[in-house]
N, C-alpha and C. Protein backbone atom coordinates (compact mmCIF):
# COMPACT_ATOMS: atom_id res chain seq x y z
N MET A 1 0.84 -1.19 0.00
CA MET A 1 0.00 0.00 0.00
C MET A 1 0.88 1.24 0.00
N GLN A 2 0.57 2.17 -0.89
CA GLN A 2 1.37 3.38 -1.01
C GLN A 2 0.96 4.39 0.06
N LYS A 3 1.96 4.99 0.71
CA LYS A 3 1.72 5.99 1.74
C LYS A 3 1.35 7.32 1.07
N PRO A 4 0.31 8.01 1.58
CA PRO A 4 -0.07 9.28 0.98
C PRO A 4 1.03 10.33 1.12
N ILE A 5 1.26 11.11 0.07
CA ILE A 5 2.25 12.19 0.10
C ILE A 5 1.59 13.43 0.67
N LYS A 6 2.20 14.00 1.72
CA LYS A 6 1.65 15.20 2.34
C LYS A 6 2.42 16.42 1.87
N ARG A 7 1.66 17.48 1.59
CA ARG A 7 2.24 18.76 1.21
C ARG A 7 1.81 19.79 2.23
N SER A 8 2.76 20.59 2.71
CA SER A 8 2.44 21.66 3.66
C SER A 8 1.92 22.87 2.90
N LEU A 9 0.88 23.48 3.46
CA LEU A 9 0.25 24.64 2.82
C LEU A 9 0.09 25.78 3.81
N LYS A 10 0.07 26.99 3.26
CA LYS A 10 -0.35 28.19 3.98
C LYS A 10 -1.70 28.56 3.38
N MET A 11 -2.62 29.03 4.20
CA MET A 11 -3.94 29.36 3.67
C MET A 11 -4.54 30.59 4.33
N ILE A 12 -5.39 31.24 3.57
CA ILE A 12 -6.23 32.32 4.08
C ILE A 12 -7.66 31.82 3.96
N PHE A 13 -8.38 31.80 5.07
CA PHE A 13 -9.75 31.30 5.14
C PHE A 13 -10.66 32.50 5.35
N GLN A 14 -11.60 32.73 4.43
CA GLN A 14 -12.51 33.88 4.52
C GLN A 14 -13.95 33.38 4.44
N THR A 15 -14.80 33.90 5.32
CA THR A 15 -16.22 33.56 5.30
C THR A 15 -17.04 34.83 5.34
N THR A 16 -18.08 34.87 4.50
CA THR A 16 -19.05 35.97 4.52
C THR A 16 -20.43 35.34 4.65
N ILE A 17 -21.22 35.86 5.60
CA ILE A 17 -22.57 35.36 5.81
C ILE A 17 -23.53 36.53 5.62
N GLN A 18 -24.46 36.36 4.68
CA GLN A 18 -25.48 37.38 4.40
C GLN A 18 -26.80 36.84 4.96
N HIS A 19 -27.37 37.56 5.93
CA HIS A 19 -28.64 37.14 6.53
C HIS A 19 -29.55 38.35 6.57
N GLY A 20 -30.50 38.40 5.63
CA GLY A 20 -31.35 39.58 5.51
C GLY A 20 -30.50 40.76 5.09
N ASP A 21 -30.58 41.87 5.83
CA ASP A 21 -29.77 43.05 5.49
C ASP A 21 -28.49 43.12 6.33
N HIS A 22 -28.17 42.04 7.03
CA HIS A 22 -26.98 41.98 7.89
C HIS A 22 -25.91 41.10 7.22
N THR A 23 -24.67 41.62 7.19
CA THR A 23 -23.55 40.85 6.65
C THR A 23 -22.48 40.71 7.72
N GLU A 24 -22.00 39.48 7.88
CA GLU A 24 -20.96 39.19 8.86
C GLU A 24 -19.80 38.54 8.10
N SER A 25 -18.58 38.99 8.39
CA SER A 25 -17.41 38.43 7.73
C SER A 25 -16.33 38.13 8.74
N TYR A 26 -15.57 37.08 8.50
CA TYR A 26 -14.37 36.84 9.30
C TYR A 26 -13.32 36.15 8.45
N GLU A 27 -12.09 36.29 8.90
CA GLU A 27 -10.96 35.77 8.15
C GLU A 27 -9.88 35.34 9.13
N PHE A 28 -9.16 34.26 8.77
CA PHE A 28 -8.00 33.86 9.54
C PHE A 28 -7.00 33.19 8.62
N THR A 29 -5.77 33.13 9.07
CA THR A 29 -4.74 32.43 8.31
C THR A 29 -4.35 31.19 9.12
N ALA A 30 -3.92 30.16 8.41
CA ALA A 30 -3.55 28.91 9.07
C ALA A 30 -2.55 28.17 8.19
N ARG A 31 -1.89 27.22 8.78
CA ARG A 31 -1.04 26.28 8.05
C ARG A 31 -1.75 24.94 8.09
N GLY A 32 -1.60 24.17 7.02
CA GLY A 32 -2.26 22.88 6.97
C GLY A 32 -1.51 21.91 6.09
N GLU A 33 -2.13 20.76 5.89
CA GLU A 33 -1.54 19.71 5.06
C GLU A 33 -2.56 19.26 4.03
N LEU A 34 -2.06 19.01 2.84
CA LEU A 34 -2.87 18.47 1.75
C LEU A 34 -2.30 17.10 1.42
N TYR A 35 -3.16 16.10 1.37
CA TYR A 35 -2.69 14.77 0.98
C TYR A 35 -3.77 14.02 0.21
N HIS A 36 -3.33 13.04 -0.56
CA HIS A 36 -4.20 12.24 -1.40
C HIS A 36 -4.23 10.83 -0.83
N LYS A 37 -5.41 10.27 -0.65
CA LYS A 37 -5.55 8.92 -0.13
C LYS A 37 -6.70 8.25 -0.88
N GLY A 38 -6.43 7.10 -1.51
CA GLY A 38 -7.46 6.45 -2.31
C GLY A 38 -7.80 7.32 -3.50
N SER A 39 -9.07 7.63 -3.66
CA SER A 39 -9.50 8.50 -4.77
C SER A 39 -9.89 9.88 -4.28
N GLN A 40 -9.46 10.24 -3.06
CA GLN A 40 -9.88 11.51 -2.49
C GLN A 40 -8.68 12.34 -2.03
N ASP A 41 -8.89 13.65 -2.03
CA ASP A 41 -7.90 14.60 -1.51
C ASP A 41 -8.40 15.12 -0.17
N TYR A 42 -7.46 15.33 0.74
CA TYR A 42 -7.79 15.82 2.08
C TYR A 42 -6.97 17.05 2.39
N LEU A 43 -7.62 18.07 2.93
CA LEU A 43 -6.97 19.27 3.43
C LEU A 43 -7.27 19.32 4.93
N ARG A 44 -6.20 19.35 5.76
CA ARG A 44 -6.37 19.39 7.21
C ARG A 44 -5.69 20.62 7.78
N PHE A 45 -6.38 21.28 8.73
CA PHE A 45 -5.79 22.44 9.40
C PHE A 45 -6.49 22.63 10.74
N GLU A 46 -5.86 23.43 11.60
CA GLU A 46 -6.42 23.71 12.91
C GLU A 46 -6.97 25.13 12.93
N GLU A 47 -8.16 25.24 13.51
CA GLU A 47 -8.86 26.51 13.62
C GLU A 47 -8.89 26.90 15.10
N ALA A 48 -8.40 28.09 15.43
CA ALA A 48 -8.42 28.56 16.82
C ALA A 48 -9.71 29.35 17.04
N LEU A 49 -10.58 28.86 17.92
CA LEU A 49 -11.83 29.56 18.22
C LEU A 49 -11.63 30.58 19.34
N SER A 50 -10.72 30.24 20.25
CA SER A 50 -10.34 31.14 21.35
C SER A 50 -8.94 30.72 21.76
N GLU A 51 -8.41 31.33 22.81
CA GLU A 51 -7.05 30.98 23.24
C GLU A 51 -6.94 29.52 23.68
N GLN A 52 -8.03 28.97 24.25
CA GLN A 52 -7.97 27.59 24.73
C GLN A 52 -8.73 26.60 23.86
N ASP A 53 -9.62 27.05 22.98
CA ASP A 53 -10.44 26.15 22.18
C ASP A 53 -10.01 26.12 20.72
N THR A 54 -9.71 24.92 20.23
CA THR A 54 -9.35 24.74 18.83
C THR A 54 -10.23 23.65 18.21
N VAL A 55 -10.30 23.69 16.89
CA VAL A 55 -11.06 22.70 16.14
C VAL A 55 -10.15 22.19 15.02
N GLN A 56 -10.04 20.87 14.90
CA GLN A 56 -9.30 20.27 13.79
C GLN A 56 -10.29 20.18 12.62
N THR A 57 -9.96 20.81 11.52
CA THR A 57 -10.84 20.85 10.36
C THR A 57 -10.25 20.04 9.22
N THR A 58 -11.09 19.21 8.61
CA THR A 58 -10.70 18.42 7.45
C THR A 58 -11.70 18.70 6.34
N MET A 59 -11.19 18.97 5.14
CA MET A 59 -12.03 19.09 3.96
C MET A 59 -11.66 17.94 3.03
N LYS A 60 -12.65 17.13 2.69
CA LYS A 60 -12.44 15.94 1.86
C LYS A 60 -13.10 16.17 0.51
N TRP A 61 -12.33 15.98 -0.58
CA TRP A 61 -12.81 16.28 -1.93
C TRP A 61 -12.67 15.04 -2.81
N ASP A 62 -13.78 14.62 -3.44
CA ASP A 62 -13.73 13.44 -4.31
C ASP A 62 -13.93 13.80 -5.78
N GLY A 63 -13.90 15.09 -6.09
CA GLY A 63 -14.10 15.53 -7.46
C GLY A 63 -15.49 16.09 -7.70
N GLN A 64 -16.44 15.76 -6.82
CA GLN A 64 -17.80 16.26 -6.94
C GLN A 64 -18.35 16.76 -5.61
N GLU A 65 -18.05 16.03 -4.54
CA GLU A 65 -18.56 16.36 -3.21
C GLU A 65 -17.42 16.83 -2.32
N LEU A 66 -17.62 18.00 -1.68
CA LEU A 66 -16.68 18.52 -0.70
C LEU A 66 -17.33 18.33 0.68
N THR A 67 -16.67 17.57 1.55
CA THR A 67 -17.20 17.33 2.88
C THR A 67 -16.35 18.07 3.90
N LEU A 68 -17.02 18.84 4.75
CA LEU A 68 -16.38 19.59 5.82
C LEU A 68 -16.58 18.81 7.12
N ILE A 69 -15.46 18.49 7.79
CA ILE A 69 -15.50 17.74 9.04
C ILE A 69 -14.72 18.56 10.08
N ARG A 70 -15.40 18.93 11.16
CA ARG A 70 -14.74 19.69 12.24
C ARG A 70 -14.82 18.86 13.51
N GLN A 71 -13.66 18.75 14.21
CA GLN A 71 -13.60 17.96 15.44
C GLN A 71 -12.86 18.75 16.51
N GLY A 72 -13.45 18.82 17.68
CA GLY A 72 -12.88 19.56 18.79
C GLY A 72 -14.01 19.99 19.70
N VAL A 73 -13.95 21.25 20.17
CA VAL A 73 -15.03 21.76 21.01
C VAL A 73 -16.34 21.83 20.21
N ILE A 74 -16.23 21.93 18.90
CA ILE A 74 -17.38 21.85 17.98
C ILE A 74 -17.19 20.61 17.12
N LEU A 75 -18.25 19.86 16.93
CA LEU A 75 -18.25 18.74 15.99
C LEU A 75 -19.20 19.10 14.86
N MET A 76 -18.76 18.94 13.64
CA MET A 76 -19.62 19.27 12.51
C MET A 76 -19.27 18.39 11.33
N ARG A 77 -20.28 17.99 10.59
CA ARG A 77 -20.06 17.25 9.35
C ARG A 77 -21.12 17.75 8.37
N GLN A 78 -20.65 18.29 7.24
CA GLN A 78 -21.57 18.81 6.23
C GLN A 78 -20.97 18.58 4.86
N ALA A 79 -21.74 18.00 3.96
CA ALA A 79 -21.30 17.80 2.57
C ALA A 79 -21.85 18.93 1.71
N PHE A 80 -21.11 19.26 0.65
CA PHE A 80 -21.52 20.29 -0.30
C PHE A 80 -21.40 19.71 -1.70
N ILE A 81 -22.52 19.70 -2.44
CA ILE A 81 -22.55 19.24 -3.82
C ILE A 81 -23.31 20.31 -4.61
N ALA A 82 -22.68 20.88 -5.63
CA ALA A 82 -23.31 21.96 -6.41
C ALA A 82 -24.67 21.51 -6.92
N GLY A 83 -25.69 22.37 -6.69
CA GLY A 83 -27.03 22.10 -7.16
C GLY A 83 -27.84 21.15 -6.29
N LYS A 84 -27.30 20.72 -5.16
CA LYS A 84 -28.00 19.75 -4.30
C LYS A 84 -28.17 20.28 -2.88
N LYS A 85 -29.17 19.70 -2.20
CA LYS A 85 -29.40 19.97 -0.79
C LYS A 85 -28.87 18.78 -0.01
N THR A 86 -28.02 19.03 0.99
CA THR A 86 -27.43 17.96 1.79
C THR A 86 -27.72 18.20 3.28
N VAL A 87 -27.77 17.11 4.02
CA VAL A 87 -28.07 17.17 5.46
C VAL A 87 -26.79 16.87 6.23
N GLY A 88 -26.59 17.61 7.33
CA GLY A 88 -25.42 17.40 8.17
C GLY A 88 -25.77 17.54 9.63
N ARG A 89 -24.75 17.76 10.46
CA ARG A 89 -24.94 17.86 11.90
C ARG A 89 -23.93 18.84 12.48
N TYR A 90 -24.37 19.65 13.45
CA TYR A 90 -23.54 20.62 14.16
C TYR A 90 -23.74 20.36 15.65
N VAL A 91 -22.65 20.05 16.37
CA VAL A 91 -22.74 19.66 17.78
C VAL A 91 -21.81 20.53 18.62
N THR A 92 -22.35 21.10 19.70
CA THR A 92 -21.57 21.82 20.69
C THR A 92 -21.73 21.08 22.02
N PRO A 93 -20.98 21.45 23.06
CA PRO A 93 -21.18 20.80 24.36
C PRO A 93 -22.62 20.96 24.88
N GLU A 94 -23.32 22.00 24.43
CA GLU A 94 -24.67 22.29 24.93
C GLU A 94 -25.78 21.61 24.13
N ALA A 95 -25.59 21.41 22.82
CA ALA A 95 -26.70 20.93 21.99
C ALA A 95 -26.21 20.33 20.68
N SER A 96 -27.14 19.68 19.98
CA SER A 96 -26.86 19.09 18.68
C SER A 96 -27.98 19.50 17.73
N TRP A 97 -27.61 19.98 16.54
CA TRP A 97 -28.60 20.43 15.58
C TRP A 97 -28.41 19.76 14.23
N GLU A 98 -29.51 19.53 13.54
CA GLU A 98 -29.44 19.08 12.16
C GLU A 98 -29.18 20.32 11.29
N THR A 99 -28.34 20.17 10.29
CA THR A 99 -28.04 21.27 9.38
C THR A 99 -28.40 20.84 7.95
N THR A 100 -28.71 21.82 7.12
CA THR A 100 -28.87 21.57 5.69
C THR A 100 -28.14 22.66 4.93
N ALA A 101 -27.58 22.26 3.80
CA ALA A 101 -26.91 23.21 2.92
C ALA A 101 -27.48 23.02 1.51
N GLN A 102 -28.04 24.08 0.97
CA GLN A 102 -28.45 24.10 -0.44
C GLN A 102 -27.30 24.78 -1.17
N THR A 103 -26.48 23.96 -1.84
CA THR A 103 -25.22 24.45 -2.39
C THR A 103 -25.41 24.96 -3.80
N GLU A 104 -24.96 26.19 -4.00
CA GLU A 104 -25.00 26.82 -5.31
C GLU A 104 -23.71 26.54 -6.09
N LYS A 105 -22.56 26.63 -5.39
CA LYS A 105 -21.28 26.52 -6.08
C LYS A 105 -20.25 25.80 -5.22
N VAL A 106 -19.48 24.90 -5.85
CA VAL A 106 -18.32 24.27 -5.23
C VAL A 106 -17.20 24.34 -6.25
N PHE A 107 -16.08 24.97 -5.90
CA PHE A 107 -14.94 25.07 -6.79
C PHE A 107 -13.69 24.68 -6.00
N VAL A 108 -12.91 23.75 -6.54
CA VAL A 108 -11.68 23.31 -5.87
C VAL A 108 -10.55 23.27 -6.90
N ARG A 109 -9.47 23.99 -6.61
CA ARG A 109 -8.24 23.92 -7.41
C ARG A 109 -7.07 23.89 -6.42
N TRP A 110 -6.31 22.80 -6.45
CA TRP A 110 -5.18 22.67 -5.53
C TRP A 110 -3.98 23.46 -6.04
N PRO A 111 -3.10 23.94 -5.14
CA PRO A 111 -1.92 24.67 -5.58
C PRO A 111 -1.00 23.76 -6.40
N ASN A 112 -0.39 24.35 -7.42
CA ASN A 112 0.50 23.60 -8.31
C ASN A 112 1.69 24.47 -8.64
N GLY A 113 2.85 24.15 -8.05
CA GLY A 113 4.03 24.97 -8.27
C GLY A 113 3.83 26.37 -7.74
N LYS A 114 3.98 27.36 -8.61
CA LYS A 114 3.80 28.76 -8.19
C LYS A 114 2.33 29.18 -8.23
N GLN A 115 1.49 28.35 -8.82
CA GLN A 115 0.07 28.68 -8.92
C GLN A 115 -0.63 28.43 -7.58
N ARG A 116 -1.36 29.43 -7.11
CA ARG A 116 -2.12 29.27 -5.88
C ARG A 116 -3.33 28.38 -6.12
N GLY A 117 -3.75 27.72 -5.06
CA GLY A 117 -4.98 26.94 -5.12
C GLY A 117 -6.13 27.75 -4.54
N ARG A 118 -7.34 27.26 -4.78
CA ARG A 118 -8.50 27.97 -4.28
C ARG A 118 -9.65 27.00 -4.03
N ILE A 119 -10.35 27.23 -2.96
CA ILE A 119 -11.60 26.52 -2.68
C ILE A 119 -12.65 27.59 -2.47
N GLN A 120 -13.80 27.42 -3.11
CA GLN A 120 -14.89 28.36 -2.93
C GLN A 120 -16.19 27.57 -2.83
N ILE A 121 -16.98 27.87 -1.82
CA ILE A 121 -18.28 27.23 -1.62
C ILE A 121 -19.30 28.34 -1.37
N ARG A 122 -20.43 28.29 -2.07
CA ARG A 122 -21.52 29.24 -1.83
C ARG A 122 -22.78 28.41 -1.58
N TYR A 123 -23.44 28.66 -0.44
CA TYR A 123 -24.60 27.85 -0.08
C TYR A 123 -25.53 28.60 0.87
N THR A 124 -26.79 28.16 0.90
CA THR A 124 -27.76 28.65 1.87
C THR A 124 -27.79 27.62 2.99
N PHE A 125 -27.60 28.09 4.21
CA PHE A 125 -27.44 27.20 5.36
C PHE A 125 -28.66 27.29 6.28
N SER A 126 -29.09 26.14 6.78
CA SER A 126 -30.18 26.10 7.77
C SER A 126 -29.73 25.28 8.96
N LEU A 127 -30.11 25.75 10.13
CA LEU A 127 -29.77 25.09 11.39
C LEU A 127 -31.09 24.71 12.05
N GLN A 128 -31.33 23.42 12.19
CA GLN A 128 -32.57 22.90 12.78
C GLN A 128 -33.79 23.52 12.08
N GLY A 129 -33.73 23.61 10.74
CA GLY A 129 -34.85 24.11 9.95
C GLY A 129 -34.95 25.62 9.87
N GLN A 130 -34.10 26.35 10.59
CA GLN A 130 -34.15 27.82 10.57
C GLN A 130 -33.07 28.35 9.63
N ASN A 131 -33.46 29.26 8.75
CA ASN A 131 -32.52 29.84 7.79
C ASN A 131 -31.40 30.57 8.54
N ALA A 132 -30.16 30.18 8.23
CA ALA A 132 -28.99 30.81 8.86
C ALA A 132 -28.21 31.65 7.84
N GLY A 133 -28.83 31.95 6.70
CA GLY A 133 -28.25 32.88 5.75
C GLY A 133 -27.51 32.23 4.59
N GLN A 134 -27.08 33.13 3.69
CA GLN A 134 -26.29 32.75 2.52
C GLN A 134 -24.83 32.82 2.92
N HIS A 135 -24.11 31.71 2.80
CA HIS A 135 -22.71 31.63 3.22
C HIS A 135 -21.81 31.53 2.00
N GLU A 136 -20.70 32.23 2.06
CA GLU A 136 -19.67 32.08 1.05
C GLU A 136 -18.34 31.87 1.77
N VAL A 137 -17.69 30.75 1.47
CA VAL A 137 -16.41 30.38 2.08
C VAL A 137 -15.37 30.38 0.98
N ARG A 138 -14.25 31.06 1.22
CA ARG A 138 -13.14 31.10 0.26
C ARG A 138 -11.85 30.78 0.97
N LEU A 139 -11.11 29.84 0.41
CA LEU A 139 -9.77 29.53 0.91
C LEU A 139 -8.79 29.78 -0.22
N THR A 140 -7.74 30.51 0.09
CA THR A 140 -6.63 30.70 -0.83
C THR A 140 -5.48 29.86 -0.29
N LEU A 141 -4.95 28.98 -1.13
CA LEU A 141 -3.94 28.01 -0.69
C LEU A 141 -2.66 28.20 -1.46
N GLU A 142 -1.52 28.12 -0.76
CA GLU A 142 -0.24 28.11 -1.44
C GLU A 142 0.70 27.18 -0.72
N GLU A 143 1.62 26.58 -1.48
CA GLU A 143 2.57 25.66 -0.89
C GLU A 143 3.44 26.40 0.12
N ASP A 144 3.69 25.75 1.26
CA ASP A 144 4.50 26.34 2.32
C ASP A 144 5.92 25.76 2.17
N LYS A 145 6.81 26.58 1.65
CA LYS A 145 8.18 26.14 1.40
C LYS A 145 9.07 26.24 2.64
N THR A 146 8.53 26.78 3.75
CA THR A 146 9.33 26.97 4.97
C THR A 146 9.45 25.69 5.78
N LYS A 147 8.67 24.65 5.45
CA LYS A 147 8.73 23.39 6.22
C LYS A 147 9.57 22.37 5.51
């Protein structure tokens, strides 16, 4: 069995949420790893929610479906398929909610040499049946040559 090759990446993670006439945006930078296993690509990185709380985030891409998996103080699993509605789950220490994503767009391009990679997802999100707004997630990825 061939061992997956891991590549170190630097990334900028940007999210914009439009809910009615209110827009919320946040951005962070992180380092992560990209590797290929079987017929899927995996991007893993750590997200700092506060000084003491972190979430290990994995994005799994099979060429059509992008699955977001978060593990830590928050547990979340949500798939995104362009043109489809998918069901997921969002869990905190206090509660667990069913989520749905009506995905408009999924775009994935991995970094190649000097070319930056990009992931973009646009979807309408619902939490326990309640509209949580139009979400747009953008990741800019580049190979990390410092490792």
